[in-house]
Protein backbone atom coordinates (compact mmCIF):
# COMPACT_ATOMS: atom_id res chain seq x y z
CA MET A 1 3.16 2.06 -9.51
CA THR A 2 0.89 -0.95 -10.01
CA LEU A 3 1.10 -3.31 -7.03
CA LYS A 4 -0.92 -6.11 -5.43
CA LEU A 5 -1.98 -5.96 -1.79
CA LYS A 6 -0.23 -8.64 0.25
CA TYR A 7 -1.75 -7.91 3.65
CA ILE A 8 -2.81 -5.18 6.02
CA ASP A 9 -1.85 -5.40 9.69
CA ARG A 10 -4.29 -3.35 11.74
CA ILE A 11 -2.51 -4.06 15.05
CA PHE A 12 0.92 -2.73 14.06
CA GLU A 13 -0.65 -0.40 11.46
CA LYS A 14 1.32 -1.57 8.43
CA ILE A 15 0.20 -2.23 4.87
CA VAL A 16 2.30 -4.37 2.52
CA PHE A 17 2.09 -4.51 -1.27
CA TYR A 18 4.17 -6.57 -3.72
CA ASP A 19 5.12 -6.14 -7.35
CA SER A 20 5.34 -8.58 -10.27
CA GLU A 21 8.75 -9.78 -9.08
CA ASN A 22 7.40 -10.51 -5.56
CA ILE A 23 9.33 -7.64 -3.98
CA ASP A 24 7.50 -6.45 -0.86
CA ILE A 25 6.95 -2.76 -0.22
CA GLU A 26 5.88 -1.97 3.34
CA PHE A 27 4.20 1.21 4.51
CA ASP A 28 3.51 2.53 8.00
CA ILE A 29 -0.06 3.81 8.27
CA SER A 30 -0.01 4.82 11.94
CA GLY A 31 0.04 8.61 11.53
CA LYS A 32 -3.13 10.45 12.51
CA GLU A 33 -3.15 12.67 9.41
CA LEU A 34 -2.32 9.72 7.15
CA LYS A 35 -5.19 7.69 8.60
CA LYS A 36 -7.61 10.51 7.78
CA ARG A 37 -6.29 10.76 4.22
CA LEU A 38 -6.42 6.97 3.60
CA HIS A 39 -9.63 6.28 5.53
CA LYS A 40 -11.85 5.77 2.47
CA ASP A 41 -9.25 3.63 0.71
CA LEU A 42 -8.78 1.39 3.77
CA LEU A 43 -12.49 0.63 4.12
CA ASN A 44 -12.60 -1.65 1.09
CA VAL A 45 -9.14 -3.23 0.75
CA HIS A 46 -8.80 -6.82 -0.49
CA GLU A 47 -5.70 -8.98 -0.39
CA GLY A 48 -4.44 -9.91 -3.87
CA MET A 49 -6.24 -7.02 -5.57
CA VAL A 50 -4.25 -4.77 -7.93
CA TYR A 51 -3.85 -1.13 -6.84
CA ARG A 52 -2.21 1.99 -8.26
CA VAL A 53 0.01 3.09 -5.37
CA SER A 54 1.79 6.42 -5.11
CA PHE A 55 4.64 6.59 -2.61
CA THR A 56 8.19 7.74 -1.90
CA VAL A 57 10.92 5.23 -1.02
CA THR A 58 12.63 5.83 2.34
CA GLY A 59 14.83 2.73 2.69
CA THR A 60 14.92 -1.06 2.87
CA GLY A 61 13.44 -3.40 5.45
CA HIS A 62 15.12 -6.12 7.49
CA LEU A 63 14.20 -8.83 4.99
CA GLY A 64 15.16 -6.92 1.86
CA GLY A 65 11.81 -5.33 1.03
CA LEU A 66 11.37 -1.62 0.40
CA VAL A 67 10.06 0.77 3.03
CA GLY A 68 8.30 3.93 1.95
CA ASP A 69 5.85 6.70 2.75
CA ILE A 70 2.52 6.03 1.10
CA GLU A 71 0.69 8.94 -0.47
CA GLY A 72 -2.38 7.03 -1.62
CA PHE A 73 -3.74 4.01 -3.45
CA LYS A 74 -6.74 3.27 -5.65
CA PRO A 75 -7.96 0.05 -7.28
CA ALA A 76 -6.41 -0.25 -10.74
CA PHE A 77 -9.68 -1.22 -12.41
CA LEU A 78 -11.10 2.25 -11.70
CA GLU A 79 -8.78 3.64 -14.40
CA LYS A 80 -10.46 1.43 -17.01
CA ILE A 81 -14.01 2.64 -16.27
CA PRO A 82 -14.99 5.52 -18.57
């Protein structure tokens, strides 16, 4: 899914993206194995940048946003480079 990065919270280890309808999708990135898998992606994240995010939905948050398990994310512009 194509989403924009809203913010990354390194203290509580959460990353939040939003879609074109401003619906927030929050992911917990606190797992040790998940940190290893996402390490390279997390080095160069920028708020407002468009990413291709793969995830599974696990529920809804307290404020109506989606909560899911992130599998990975890559900048969307990388798909346009030959």
